[in-house]
PDB file of N, CA and C in Angstrom:
ATOM      1  N   MET A   1     201.570 116.397  90.389  1.00  0.00           N
ATOM      2  CA  MET A   1     201.153 116.456  91.735  1.00  0.00           C
ATOM      3  C   MET A   1     200.125 117.584  91.751  1.00  0.00           C
ATOM      4  N   LEU A   2     200.294 118.626  90.937  1.00  0.00           N
ATOM      5  CA  LEU A   2     199.453 119.726  91.140  1.00  0.00           C
ATOM      6  C   LEU A   2     198.102 119.509  90.471  1.00  0.00           C
ATOM      7  N   GLU A   3     197.797 118.136  90.212  1.00  0.00           N
ATOM      8  CA  GLU A   3     196.434 117.816  89.787  1.00  0.00           C
ATOM      9  C   GLU A   3     195.631 117.817  91.178  1.00  0.00           C
ATOM     10  N   ASN A   4     196.228 117.572  92.338  1.00  0.00           N
ATOM     11  CA  ASN A   4     195.498 117.410  93.561  1.00  0.00           C
ATOM     12  C   ASN A   4     195.125 118.963  93.859  1.00  0.00           C
ATOM     13  N   ALA A   5     193.794 119.196  94.032  1.00  0.00           N
ATOM     14  CA  ALA A   5     193.357 120.602  94.360  1.00  0.00           C
ATOM     15  C   ALA A   5     193.919 121.387  95.398  1.00  0.00           C
ATOM     16  N   LEU A   6     194.048 120.585  96.613  1.00  0.00           N
ATOM     17  CA  LEU A   6     194.395 121.025  97.880  1.00  0.00           C
ATOM     18  C   LEU A   6     195.989 121.397  97.699  1.00  0.00           C
ATOM     19  N   VAL A   7     196.714 120.490  97.107  1.00  0.00           N
ATOM     20  CA  VAL A   7     198.183 120.824  96.737  1.00  0.00           C
ATOM     21  C   VAL A   7     198.304 122.059  96.032  1.00  0.00           C
ATOM     22  N   LYS A   8     197.588 122.057  95.050  1.00  0.00           N
ATOM     23  CA  LYS A   8     197.723 123.391  94.229  1.00  0.00           C
ATOM     24  C   LYS A   8     197.205 124.641  94.794  1.00  0.00           C
ATOM     25  N   ALA A   9     196.177 124.591  95.686  1.00  0.00           N
ATOM     26  CA  ALA A   9     195.874 125.728  96.344  1.00  0.00           C
ATOM     27  C   ALA A   9     196.870 126.114  97.401  1.00  0.00           C
ATOM     28  N   ALA A  10     197.383 125.098  98.110  1.00  0.00           N
ATOM     29  CA  ALA A  10     198.564 125.441  99.113  1.00  0.00           C
ATOM     30  C   ALA A  10     199.782 125.974  98.443  1.00  0.00           C
ATOM     31  N   ALA A  11     200.047 125.424  97.356  1.00  0.00           N
ATOM     32  CA  ALA A  11     201.470 125.882  96.813  1.00  0.00           C
ATOM     33  C   ALA A  11     201.061 127.483  96.354  1.00  0.00           C
ATOM     34  N   GLU A  12     199.936 127.827  95.850  1.00  0.00           N
ATOM     35  CA  GLU A  12     199.495 129.051  95.395  1.00  0.00           C
ATOM     36  C   GLU A  12     199.423 130.086  96.597  1.00  0.00           C
ATOM     37  N   TRP A  13     199.051 129.618  97.717  1.00  0.00           N
ATOM     38  CA  TRP A  13     198.915 130.434  99.022  1.00  0.00           C
ATOM     39  C   TRP A  13     200.257 130.790  99.423  1.00  0.00           C
ATOM     40  N   LEU A  14     201.143 129.786  99.303  1.00  0.00           N
ATOM     41  CA  LEU A  14     202.559 129.999  99.816  1.00  0.00           C
ATOM     42  C   LEU A  14     203.231 130.906  99.049  1.00  0.00           C
ATOM     43  N   ALA A  15     202.875 130.927  97.508  1.00  0.00           N
ATOM     44  CA  ALA A  15     203.605 131.810  96.532  1.00  0.00           C
ATOM     45  C   ALA A  15     202.903 133.321  96.729  1.00  0.00           C
ATOM     46  N   ASP A  16     201.787 133.337  97.022  1.00  0.00           N
ATOM     47  CA  ASP A  16     201.104 134.669  97.452  1.00  0.00           C
ATOM     48  C   ASP A  16     201.938 135.388  98.571  1.00  0.00           C
ATOM     49  N   LYS A  17     202.441 134.871  99.415  1.00  0.00           N
ATOM     50  CA  LYS A  17     203.296 135.422 100.345  1.00  0.00           C
ATOM     51  C   LYS A  17     204.720 135.457 100.153  1.00  0.00           C
ATOM     52  N   LYS A  18     205.112 135.093  99.075  1.00  0.00           N
ATOM     53  CA  LYS A  18     206.565 134.993  98.589  1.00  0.00           C
ATOM     54  C   LYS A  18     207.429 133.910  99.244  1.00  0.00           C
ATOM     55  N   ALA A  19     206.822 132.772  99.644  1.00  0.00           N
ATOM     56  CA  ALA A  19     207.644 131.656 100.190  1.00  0.00           C
ATOM     57  C   ALA A  19     208.438 131.213  99.017  1.00  0.00           C
ATOM     58  N   GLU A  20     209.738 130.865  99.475  1.00  0.00           N
ATOM     59  CA  GLU A  20     210.872 130.351  98.379  1.00  0.00           C
ATOM     60  C   GLU A  20     211.068 128.886  98.611  1.00  0.00           C
ATOM     61  N   ARG A  21     211.653 128.394  97.341  1.00  0.00           N
ATOM     62  CA  ARG A  21     212.051 127.141  97.279  1.00  0.00           C
ATOM     63  C   ARG A  21     210.884 126.102  97.685  1.00  0.00           C
ATOM     64  N   ILE A  22     209.706 126.283  97.195  1.00  0.00           N
ATOM     65  CA  ILE A  22     208.528 125.439  97.444  1.00  0.00           C
ATOM     66  C   ILE A  22     208.833 124.121  96.733  1.00  0.00           C
ATOM     67  N   LYS A  23     208.727 123.037  97.410  1.00  0.00           N
ATOM     68  CA  LYS A  23     208.824 121.768  97.021  1.00  0.00           C
ATOM     69  C   LYS A  23     207.803 120.838  97.565  1.00  0.00           C
ATOM     70  N   ILE A  24     207.181 120.133  96.661  1.00  0.00           N
ATOM     71  CA  ILE A  24     206.041 119.200  96.897  1.00  0.00           C
ATOM     72  C   ILE A  24     206.624 117.714  96.761  1.00  0.00           C
ATOM     73  N   TYR A  25     206.392 117.121  97.859  1.00  0.00           N
ATOM     74  CA  TYR A  25     206.623 115.549  97.925  1.00  0.00           C
ATOM     75  C   TYR A  25     205.388 114.692  98.004  1.00  0.00           C
ATOM     76  N   HIS A  26     205.381 113.663  97.173  1.00  0.00           N
ATOM     77  CA  HIS A  26     204.020 112.782  97.285  1.00  0.00           C
ATOM     78  C   HIS A  26     204.692 111.477  98.163  1.00  0.00           C
ATOM     79  N   ILE A  27     204.208 111.453  99.339  1.00  0.00           N
ATOM     80  CA  ILE A  27     204.854 110.642 100.246  1.00  0.00           C
ATOM     81  C   ILE A  27     203.781 109.477 100.693  1.00  0.00           C
ATOM     82  N   GLU A  28     202.513 109.494 100.068  1.00  0.00           N
ATOM     83  CA  GLU A  28     201.424 108.586 100.347  1.00  0.00           C
ATOM     84  C   GLU A  28     201.816 107.114 100.588  1.00  0.00           C
ATOM     85  N   LYS A  29     202.640 106.634  99.601  1.00  0.00           N
ATOM     86  CA  LYS A  29     203.082 105.207  99.670  1.00  0.00           C
ATOM     87  C   LYS A  29     203.900 104.882 100.799  1.00  0.00           C
ATOM     88  N   ASN A  30     204.601 105.716 101.450  1.00  0.00           N
ATOM     89  CA  ASN A  30     205.614 105.552 102.556  1.00  0.00           C
ATOM     90  C   ASN A  30     205.224 106.307 103.946  1.00  0.00           C
ATOM     91  N   SER A  31     204.014 106.795 103.878  1.00  0.00           N
ATOM     92  CA  SER A  31     203.757 107.688 105.078  1.00  0.00           C
ATOM     93  C   SER A  31     202.220 107.120 105.508  1.00  0.00           C
ATOM     94  N   GLY A  32     202.098 107.017 106.947  1.00  0.00           N
ATOM     95  CA  GLY A  32     200.888 106.491 107.280  1.00  0.00           C
ATOM     96  C   GLY A  32     200.092 107.651 107.900  1.00  0.00           C
ATOM     97  N   TYR A  33     200.503 109.027 107.653  1.00  0.00           N
ATOM     98  CA  TYR A  33     199.963 109.978 108.216  1.00  0.00           C
ATOM     99  C   TYR A  33     199.517 111.295 107.216  1.00  0.00           C
ATOM    100  N   THR A  34     199.992 111.192 105.806  1.00  0.00           N
ATOM    101  CA  THR A  34     199.693 112.201 105.019  1.00  0.00           C
ATOM    102  C   THR A  34     199.987 111.785 103.605  1.00  0.00           C
ATOM    103  N   ASP A  35     199.400 112.485 102.636  1.00  0.00           N
ATOM    104  CA  ASP A  35     199.700 112.036 101.127  1.00  0.00           C
ATOM    105  C   ASP A  35     200.827 112.854 100.708  1.00  0.00           C
ATOM    106  N   TYR A  36     200.937 114.184 101.091  1.00  0.00           N
ATOM    107  CA  TYR A  36     201.756 115.174 100.525  1.00  0.00           C
ATOM    108  C   TYR A  36     202.463 115.859 101.658  1.00  0.00           C
ATOM    109  N   ALA A  37     203.660 116.292 101.342  1.00  0.00           N
ATOM    110  CA  ALA A  37     204.358 117.168 102.301  1.00  0.00           C
ATOM    111  C   ALA A  37     204.960 118.253 101.251  1.00  0.00           C
ATOM    112  N   ILE A  38     204.564 119.406 101.828  1.00  0.00           N
ATOM    113  CA  ILE A  38     205.134 120.705 101.010  1.00  0.00           C
ATOM    114  C   ILE A  38     206.032 121.378 101.951  1.00  0.00           C
ATOM    115  N   VAL A  39     207.271 121.684 101.467  1.00  0.00           N
ATOM    116  CA  VAL A  39     208.309 122.313 102.241  1.00  0.00           C
ATOM    117  C   VAL A  39     208.723 123.549 101.347  1.00  0.00           C
ATOM    118  N   CYS A  40     208.784 124.659 102.274  1.00  0.00           N
ATOM    119  CA  CYS A  40     209.327 125.962 101.698  1.00  0.00           C
ATOM    120  C   CYS A  40     209.925 126.796 102.701  1.00  0.00           C
ATOM    121  N   GLU A  41     210.559 127.913 102.317  1.00  0.00           N
ATOM    122  CA  GLU A  41     211.176 128.599 103.441  1.00  0.00           C
ATOM    123  C   GLU A  41     210.727 130.327 103.123  1.00  0.00           C
ATOM    124  N   ALA A  42     210.942 130.960 104.275  1.00  0.00           N
ATOM    125  CA  ALA A  42     210.842 132.301 104.404  1.00  0.00           C
ATOM    126  C   ALA A  42     211.980 132.874 104.815  1.00  0.00           C
ATOM    127  N   SER A  43     212.092 134.190 104.553  1.00  0.00           N
ATOM    128  CA  SER A  43     213.313 134.912 104.831  1.00  0.00           C
ATOM    129  C   SER A  43     213.768 135.368 106.261  1.00  0.00           C
ATOM    130  N   ALA A  44     212.656 135.397 106.967  1.00  0.00           N
ATOM    131  CA  ALA A  44     212.882 135.856 108.389  1.00  0.00           C
ATOM    132  C   ALA A  44     211.480 135.314 109.126  1.00  0.00           C
ATOM    133  N   ASP A  45     211.915 135.525 110.609  1.00  0.00           N
ATOM    134  CA  ASP A  45     210.728 134.842 111.526  1.00  0.00           C
ATOM    135  C   ASP A  45     209.411 135.425 111.056  1.00  0.00           C
ATOM    136  N   LEU A  46     209.369 136.795 110.970  1.00  0.00           N
ATOM    137  CA  LEU A  46     208.053 137.408 110.623  1.00  0.00           C
ATOM    138  C   LEU A  46     207.508 137.088 109.351  1.00  0.00           C
ATOM    139  N   HIS A  47     208.375 136.577 108.338  1.00  0.00           N
ATOM    140  CA  HIS A  47     208.017 136.192 106.993  1.00  0.00           C
ATOM    141  C   HIS A  47     207.269 134.654 107.352  1.00  0.00           C
ATOM    142  N   VAL A  48     207.893 133.748 108.143  1.00  0.00           N
ATOM    143  CA  VAL A  48     207.529 132.550 108.375  1.00  0.00           C
ATOM    144  C   VAL A  48     205.985 132.743 109.009  1.00  0.00           C
ATOM    145  N   ARG A  49     205.826 133.670 109.862  1.00  0.00           N
ATOM    146  CA  ARG A  49     204.693 133.734 110.530  1.00  0.00           C
ATOM    147  C   ARG A  49     203.444 134.264 109.400  1.00  0.00           C
ATOM    148  N   ALA A  50     204.022 135.191 108.732  1.00  0.00           N
ATOM    149  CA  ALA A  50     203.004 135.694 107.584  1.00  0.00           C
ATOM    150  C   ALA A  50     202.588 134.523 106.656  1.00  0.00           C
ATOM    151  N   VAL A  51     203.556 133.707 106.215  1.00  0.00           N
ATOM    152  CA  VAL A  51     203.203 132.669 105.292  1.00  0.00           C
ATOM    153  C   VAL A  51     202.328 131.651 105.846  1.00  0.00           C
ATOM    154  N   ALA A  52     202.696 131.330 107.032  1.00  0.00           N
ATOM    155  CA  ALA A  52     201.871 130.307 107.848  1.00  0.00           C
ATOM    156  C   ALA A  52     200.375 130.822 108.125  1.00  0.00           C
ATOM    157  N   ASN A  53     200.395 132.058 108.693  1.00  0.00           N
ATOM    158  CA  ASN A  53     199.078 132.582 108.833  1.00  0.00           C
ATOM    159  C   ASN A  53     198.193 132.817 107.605  1.00  0.00           C
ATOM    160  N   HIS A  54     198.803 133.125 106.606  1.00  0.00           N
ATOM    161  CA  HIS A  54     198.062 133.325 105.408  1.00  0.00           C
ATOM    162  C   HIS A  54     197.378 131.902 104.704  1.00  0.00           C
ATOM    163  N   VAL A  55     198.190 130.785 104.885  1.00  0.00           N
ATOM    164  CA  VAL A  55     197.632 129.573 104.693  1.00  0.00           C
ATOM    165  C   VAL A  55     196.423 129.121 105.623  1.00  0.00           C
ATOM    166  N   ILE A  56     196.664 129.405 106.794  1.00  0.00           N
ATOM    167  CA  ILE A  56     195.660 129.253 107.884  1.00  0.00           C
ATOM    168  C   ILE A  56     194.453 130.035 107.607  1.00  0.00           C
ATOM    169  N   ASP A  57     194.485 131.311 107.268  1.00  0.00           N
ATOM    170  CA  ASP A  57     193.286 132.150 107.089  1.00  0.00           C
ATOM    171  C   ASP A  57     192.615 131.634 105.755  1.00  0.00           C
ATOM    172  N   ASN A  58     193.333 131.171 104.636  1.00  0.00           N
ATOM    173  CA  ASN A  58     192.707 130.585 103.581  1.00  0.00           C
ATOM    174  C   ASN A  58     192.061 129.391 103.771  1.00  0.00           C
ATOM    175  N   VAL A  59     192.625 128.432 104.578  1.00  0.00           N
ATOM    176  CA  VAL A  59     191.939 127.297 104.952  1.00  0.00           C
ATOM    177  C   VAL A  59     190.594 127.493 105.675  1.00  0.00           C
ATOM    178  N   LYS A  60     190.599 128.629 106.624  1.00  0.00           N
ATOM    179  CA  LYS A  60     189.343 128.826 107.363  1.00  0.00           C
ATOM    180  C   LYS A  60     188.348 129.521 106.349  1.00  0.00           C
ATOM    181  N   LEU A  61     188.860 130.349 105.650  1.00  0.00           N
ATOM    182  CA  LEU A  61     187.923 131.044 104.688  1.00  0.00           C
ATOM    183  C   LEU A  61     187.178 130.040 103.958  1.00  0.00           C
ATOM    184  N   LEU A  62     187.802 128.983 103.394  1.00  0.00           N
ATOM    185  CA  LEU A  62     187.194 128.057 102.737  1.00  0.00           C
ATOM    186  C   LEU A  62     186.438 126.909 103.499  1.00  0.00           C
ATOM    187  N   GLY A  63     186.489 126.875 104.871  1.00  0.00           N
ATOM    188  CA  GLY A  63     185.785 126.024 105.644  1.00  0.00           C
ATOM    189  C   GLY A  63     186.555 124.663 105.519  1.00  0.00           C
ATOM    190  N   MET A  64     187.719 124.521 105.290  1.00  0.00           N
ATOM    191  CA  MET A  64     188.422 123.302 105.261  1.00  0.00           C
ATOM    192  C   MET A  64     188.922 122.742 106.712  1.00  0.00           C
ATOM    193  N   PRO A  65     189.195 121.674 106.813  1.00  0.00           N
ATOM    194  CA  PRO A  65     189.638 121.132 108.137  1.00  0.00           C
ATOM    195  C   PRO A  65     191.190 121.479 108.438  1.00  0.00           C
ATOM    196  N   LEU A  66     191.512 122.036 109.476  1.00  0.00           N
ATOM    197  CA  LEU A  66     192.830 122.445 109.876  1.00  0.00           C
ATOM    198  C   LEU A  66     193.041 121.602 111.074  1.00  0.00           C
ATOM    199  N   LEU A  67     193.794 120.452 110.925  1.00  0.00           N
ATOM    200  CA  LEU A  67     194.042 119.407 112.051  1.00  0.00           C
ATOM    201  C   LEU A  67     194.983 119.973 113.167  1.00  0.00           C
ATOM    202  N   SER A  68     196.028 120.793 112.767  1.00  0.00           N
ATOM    203  CA  SER A  68     196.978 121.248 113.684  1.00  0.00           C
ATOM    204  C   SER A  68     197.778 122.256 112.963  1.00  0.00           C
ATOM    205  N   LYS A  69     198.318 123.097 113.798  1.00  0.00           N
ATOM    206  CA  LYS A  69     199.361 124.209 113.542  1.00  0.00           C
ATOM    207  C   LYS A  69     200.298 124.298 114.789  1.00  0.00           C
ATOM    208  N   GLU A  70     201.636 124.243 114.328  1.00  0.00           N
ATOM    209  CA  GLU A  70     202.560 124.086 115.412  1.00  0.00           C
ATOM    210  C   GLU A  70     203.746 125.250 114.992  1.00  0.00           C
ATOM    211  N   GLY A  71     204.355 125.695 115.855  1.00  0.00           N
ATOM    212  CA  GLY A  71     205.608 126.439 115.865  1.00  0.00           C
ATOM    213  C   GLY A  71     205.455 127.913 115.062  1.00  0.00           C
ATOM    214  N   ILE A  72     204.167 128.403 115.040  1.00  0.00           N
ATOM    215  CA  ILE A  72     204.124 129.686 114.469  1.00  0.00           C
ATOM    216  C   ILE A  72     204.598 130.717 115.398  1.00  0.00           C
ATOM    217  N   GLU A  73     204.276 130.606 116.729  1.00  0.00           N
ATOM    218  CA  GLU A  73     204.896 131.689 117.573  1.00  0.00           C
ATOM    219  C   GLU A  73     206.452 131.644 117.691  1.00  0.00           C
ATOM    220  N   PHE A  74     207.179 130.670 117.414  1.00  0.00           N
ATOM    221  CA  PHE A  74     208.496 130.623 117.371  1.00  0.00           C
ATOM    222  C   PHE A  74     209.206 131.022 115.926  1.00  0.00           C
ATOM    223  N   ALA A  75     208.467 130.634 115.007  1.00  0.00           N
ATOM    224  CA  ALA A  75     208.772 130.962 113.436  1.00  0.00           C
ATOM    225  C   ALA A  75     210.182 130.627 113.067  1.00  0.00           C
ATOM    226  N   HIS A  76     210.739 129.503 113.577  1.00  0.00           N
ATOM    227  CA  HIS A  76     211.859 128.832 112.943  1.00  0.00           C
ATOM    228  C   HIS A  76     211.395 127.791 111.885  1.00  0.00           C
ATOM    229  N   TRP A  77     210.262 127.235 112.352  1.00  0.00           N
ATOM    230  CA  TRP A  77     209.717 126.036 111.622  1.00  0.00           C
ATOM    231  C   TRP A  77     208.241 126.027 111.926  1.00  0.00           C
ATOM    232  N   SER A  78     207.454 126.269 111.017  1.00  0.00           N
ATOM    233  CA  SER A  78     205.905 126.080 111.304  1.00  0.00           C
ATOM    234  C   SER A  78     205.363 125.138 110.406  1.00  0.00           C
ATOM    235  N   LEU A  79     204.538 124.275 111.075  1.00  0.00           N
ATOM    236  CA  LEU A  79     203.909 123.159 110.512  1.00  0.00           C
ATOM    237  C   LEU A  79     202.332 123.257 110.580  1.00  0.00           C
ATOM    238  N   ILE A  80     201.723 123.087 109.227  1.00  0.00           N
ATOM    239  CA  ILE A  80     200.319 123.306 109.144  1.00  0.00           C
ATOM    240  C   ILE A  80     199.777 121.951 108.637  1.00  0.00           C
ATOM    241  N   ASP A  81     198.893 121.235 109.422  1.00  0.00           N
ATOM    242  CA  ASP A  81     198.484 119.844 109.070  1.00  0.00           C
ATOM    243  C   ASP A  81     196.986 119.982 108.520  1.00  0.00           C
ATOM    244  N   LEU A  82     197.029 119.778 107.179  1.00  0.00           N
ATOM    245  CA  LEU A  82     195.563 119.917 106.457  1.00  0.00           C
ATOM    246  C   LEU A  82     195.093 118.364 106.118  1.00  0.00           C
ATOM    247  N   GLY A  83     195.629 117.381 106.915  1.00  0.00           N
ATOM    248  CA  GLY A  83     195.185 116.131 106.659  1.00  0.00           C
ATOM    249  C   GLY A  83     196.141 115.372 105.532  1.00  0.00           C
ATOM    250  N   GLU A  84     195.443 115.590 104.409  1.00  0.00           N
ATOM    251  CA  GLU A  84     196.280 114.926 103.182  1.00  0.00           C
ATOM    252  C   GLU A  84     197.377 115.657 102.725  1.00  0.00           C
ATOM    253  N   VAL A  85     197.495 116.804 103.265  1.00  0.00           N
ATOM    254  CA  VAL A  85     198.836 117.745 102.967  1.00  0.00           C
ATOM    255  C   VAL A  85     199.300 118.334 104.268  1.00  0.00           C
ATOM    256  N   ILE A  86     200.512 118.248 104.544  1.00  0.00           N
ATOM    257  CA  ILE A  86     201.182 118.910 105.623  1.00  0.00           C
ATOM    258  C   ILE A  86     202.156 120.008 104.993  1.00  0.00           C
ATOM    259  N   ILE A  87     202.126 121.178 105.559  1.00  0.00           N
ATOM    260  CA  ILE A  87     202.933 122.227 105.155  1.00  0.00           C
ATOM    261  C   ILE A  87     204.098 122.617 105.985  1.00  0.00           C
ATOM    262  N   HIS A  88     205.350 122.771 105.670  1.00  0.00           N
ATOM    263  CA  HIS A  88     206.401 123.057 106.448  1.00  0.00           C
ATOM    264  C   HIS A  88     206.895 124.414 106.081  1.00  0.00           C
ATOM    265  N   VAL A  89     206.962 125.275 106.990  1.00  0.00           N
ATOM    266  CA  VAL A  89     207.360 126.670 106.486  1.00  0.00           C
ATOM    267  C   VAL A  89     208.732 126.869 107.350  1.00  0.00           C
ATOM    268  N   PHE A  90     209.998 126.928 106.697  1.00  0.00           N
ATOM    269  CA  PHE A  90     211.224 127.046 107.345  1.00  0.00           C
ATOM    270  C   PHE A  90     211.763 128.277 107.266  1.00  0.00           C
ATOM    271  N   LEU A  91     212.737 128.718 108.155  1.00  0.00           N
ATOM    272  CA  LEU A  91     213.817 129.530 108.004  1.00  0.00           C
ATOM    273  C   LEU A  91     214.953 128.734 107.150  1.00  0.00           C
ATOM    274  N   PRO A  92     215.499 129.404 106.279  1.00  0.00           N
ATOM    275  CA  PRO A  92     216.531 128.679 105.460  1.00  0.00           C
ATOM    276  C   PRO A  92     217.513 127.877 106.292  1.00  0.00           C
ATOM    277  N   GLN A  93     218.133 128.462 107.386  1.00  0.00           N
ATOM    278  CA  GLN A  93     219.064 127.776 108.048  1.00  0.00           C
ATOM    279  C   GLN A  93     218.457 126.640 108.800  1.00  0.00           C
ATOM    280  N   THR A  94     217.127 126.596 109.255  1.00  0.00           N
ATOM    281  CA  THR A  94     216.632 125.581 109.957  1.00  0.00           C
ATOM    282  C   THR A  94     216.248 124.458 108.936  1.00  0.00           C
ATOM    283  N   ARG A  95     215.825 125.015 107.708  1.00  0.00           N
ATOM    284  CA  ARG A  95     215.664 123.937 106.741  1.00  0.00           C
ATOM    285  C   ARG A  95     216.851 122.951 106.458  1.00  0.00           C
ATOM    286  N   GLU A  96     217.929 123.565 106.415  1.00  0.00           N
ATOM    287  CA  GLU A  96     219.361 123.049 106.091  1.00  0.00           C
ATOM    288  C   GLU A  96     219.767 122.064 107.210  1.00  0.00           C
ATOM    289  N   TYR A  97     219.533 122.608 108.415  1.00  0.00           N
ATOM    290  CA  TYR A  97     219.867 121.985 109.688  1.00  0.00           C
ATOM    291  C   TYR A  97     219.142 120.449 109.884  1.00  0.00           C
ATOM    292  N   TYR A  98     218.006 120.485 109.437  1.00  0.00           N
ATOM    293  CA  TYR A  98     217.162 119.207 109.675  1.00  0.00           C
ATOM    294  C   TYR A  98     217.230 118.343 108.502  1.00  0.00           C
ATOM    295  N   HIS A  99     217.829 118.976 107.361  1.00  0.00           N
ATOM    296  CA  HIS A  99     217.817 118.019 106.192  1.00  0.00           C
ATOM    297  C   HIS A  99     216.697 117.517 105.717  1.00  0.00           C
ATOM    298  N   ILE A 100     215.371 118.316 105.868  1.00  0.00           N
ATOM    299  CA  ILE A 100     214.273 117.962 105.664  1.00  0.00           C
ATOM    300  C   ILE A 100     213.851 117.440 104.074  1.00  0.00           C
ATOM    301  N   ASP A 101     214.611 118.146 103.296  1.00  0.00           N
ATOM    302  CA  ASP A 101     214.406 117.757 101.891  1.00  0.00           C
ATOM    303  C   ASP A 101     215.018 116.260 101.669  1.00  0.00           C
ATOM    304  N   GLU A 102     216.004 115.936 102.228  1.00  0.00           N
ATOM    305  CA  GLU A 102     216.527 114.511 101.987  1.00  0.00           C
ATOM    306  C   GLU A 102     215.553 113.618 102.614  1.00  0.00           C
ATOM    307  N   LEU A 103     215.059 113.982 103.767  1.00  0.00           N
ATOM    308  CA  LEU A 103     214.089 112.935 104.343  1.00  0.00           C
ATOM    309  C   LEU A 103     212.789 112.606 103.462  1.00  0.00           C
ATOM    310  N   PHE A 104     212.204 113.865 103.070  1.00  0.00           N
ATOM    311  CA  PHE A 104     211.086 113.696 102.142  1.00  0.00           C
ATOM    312  C   PHE A 104     211.477 113.014 100.758  1.00  0.00           C
ATOM    313  N   SER A 105     212.590 113.225 100.356  1.00  0.00           N
ATOM    314  CA  SER A 105     212.960 112.679  98.942  1.00  0.00           C
ATOM    315  C   SER A 105     213.060 111.243  99.065  1.00  0.00           C
ATOM    316  N   ARG A 106     213.472 110.624 100.228  1.00  0.00           N
ATOM    317  CA  ARG A 106     213.635 109.362 100.497  1.00  0.00           C
ATOM    318  C   ARG A 106     212.193 108.601 100.672  1.00  0.00           C
ATOM    319  N   LEU A 107     211.323 109.401 101.074  1.00  0.00           N
ATOM    320  CA  LEU A 107     209.890 108.968 101.235  1.00  0.00           C
ATOM    321  C   LEU A 107     209.132 109.031 100.083  1.00  0.00           C
ATOM    322  N   SER A 108     209.500 110.007  99.132  1.00  0.00           N
ATOM    323  CA  SER A 108     208.603 110.273  98.034  1.00  0.00           C
ATOM    324  C   SER A 108     208.579 109.139  97.084  1.00  0.00           C
ATOM    325  N   SER A 109     207.382 108.808  96.488  1.00  0.00           N
ATOM    326  CA  SER A 109     207.380 107.955  95.350  1.00  0.00           C
ATOM    327  C   SER A 109     207.591 108.585  94.022  1.00  0.00           C
ATOM    328  N   ASP A 110     207.705 109.851  93.984  1.00  0.00           N
ATOM    329  CA  ASP A 110     207.979 110.604  92.792  1.00  0.00           C
ATOM    330  C   ASP A 110     208.980 111.628  93.057  1.00  0.00           C
ATOM    331  N   PRO A 111     209.857 112.064  92.070  1.00  0.00           N
ATOM    332  CA  PRO A 111     210.863 113.076  92.403  1.00  0.00           C
ATOM    333  C   PRO A 111     209.937 114.407  92.960  1.00  0.00           C
ATOM    334  N   ALA A 112     210.572 115.264  93.697  1.00  0.00           N
ATOM    335  CA  ALA A 112     209.854 116.313  94.285  1.00  0.00           C
ATOM    336  C   ALA A 112     209.534 117.270  93.152  1.00  0.00           C
ATOM    337  N   GLU A 113     208.431 117.916  93.263  1.00  0.00           N
ATOM    338  CA  GLU A 113     208.119 118.984  92.321  1.00  0.00           C
ATOM    339  C   GLU A 113     208.201 120.225  92.867  1.00  0.00           C
ATOM    340  N   THR A 114     208.989 121.010  92.158  1.00  0.00           N
ATOM    341  CA  THR A 114     209.408 122.448  92.587  1.00  0.00           C
ATOM    342  C   THR A 114     208.445 123.492  91.845  1.00  0.00           C
ATOM    343  N   VAL A 115     207.857 124.141  92.487  1.00  0.00           N
ATOM    344  CA  VAL A 115     206.814 125.126  92.048  1.00  0.00           C
ATOM    345  C   VAL A 115     207.234 126.509  92.500  1.00  0.00           C
ATOM    346  N   PHE A 116     207.069 127.491  91.689  1.00  0.00           N
ATOM    347  CA  PHE A 116     207.266 128.844  91.989  1.00  0.00           C
ATOM    348  C   PHE A 116     208.570 129.201  92.676  1.00  0.00           C
ATOM    349  N   SER A 117     209.614 128.466  92.035  1.00  0.00           N
ATOM    350  CA  SER A 117     210.960 128.541  92.596  1.00  0.00           C
ATOM    351  C   SER A 117     211.536 129.810  92.400  1.00  0.00           C
ATOM    352  N   ASP A 118     212.427 130.354  93.406  1.00  0.00           N
ATOM    353  CA  ASP A 118     213.080 131.442  93.367  1.00  0.00           C
ATOM    354  C   ASP A 118     214.327 131.058  92.534  1.00  0.00           C
ATOM    355  N   PRO A 119     214.682 131.739  91.331  1.00  0.00           N
ATOM    356  CA  PRO A 119     215.570 131.438  90.435  1.00  0.00           C
ATOM    357  C   PRO A 119     217.034 131.640  91.151  1.00  0.00           C
ATOM    358  N   GLY A 120     217.181 132.254  92.154  1.00  0.00           N
ATOM    359  CA  GLY A 120     218.364 132.442  92.912  1.00  0.00           C
ATOM    360  C   GLY A 120     218.747 131.348  93.634  1.00  0.00           C
ATOM    361  N   HIS A 121     218.019 130.370  93.825  1.00  0.00           N
ATOM    362  CA  HIS A 121     218.167 129.240  94.647  1.00  0.00           C
ATOM    363  C   HIS A 121     218.262 127.950  93.818  1.00  0.00           C
ATOM    364  N   ASP A 122     219.007 126.942  94.272  1.00  0.00           N
ATOM    365  CA  ASP A 122     219.168 125.617  93.565  1.00  0.00           C
ATOM    366  C   ASP A 122     217.786 124.688  93.844  1.00  0.00           C
ATOM    367  N   SER A 123     217.282 124.018  92.996  1.00  0.00           N
ATOM    368  CA  SER A 123     216.286 123.433  93.249  1.00  0.00           C
ATOM    369  C   SER A 123     216.638 121.843  93.734  1.00  0.00           C
TER     370      SER A 123
END
C-alpha cells in the first residue's frame, strides 16, 4: 500500500508528529468515497490538533487538494479528507469507543498495514 505516493507521504507526516498505531486500510473496492483510510491516534487533544494541522500544512505546502477537515477544534477525532485518502486522528479512548479499526478491517480488500507502530501497543 505504501506504493501510493499520497499514502506514503501521509504516513510520514503522521509519524513526523509522533502519531501512534498508524494503520492503513485499502478500502477502494468497498467504498464509494475513497481509496484508503489511514487511522492513527495521538496522546492528548493538543497532540490530535498538532498531528492534524501538520498534515494540513503539508498538503497546502504541496498545493494538494484538501477536500475537508473536521473535528480539529474538538480534538477527540479529527478527519482530513484528501480525496483518495482520508485520515482519521483519534484520542485512544475515542478510537476504541467507535471500533473504527473493526469497521475498516471489514471494508479493506487487504489486511491493514501497520506503519511506524509504537512497539508498546498491539497492532
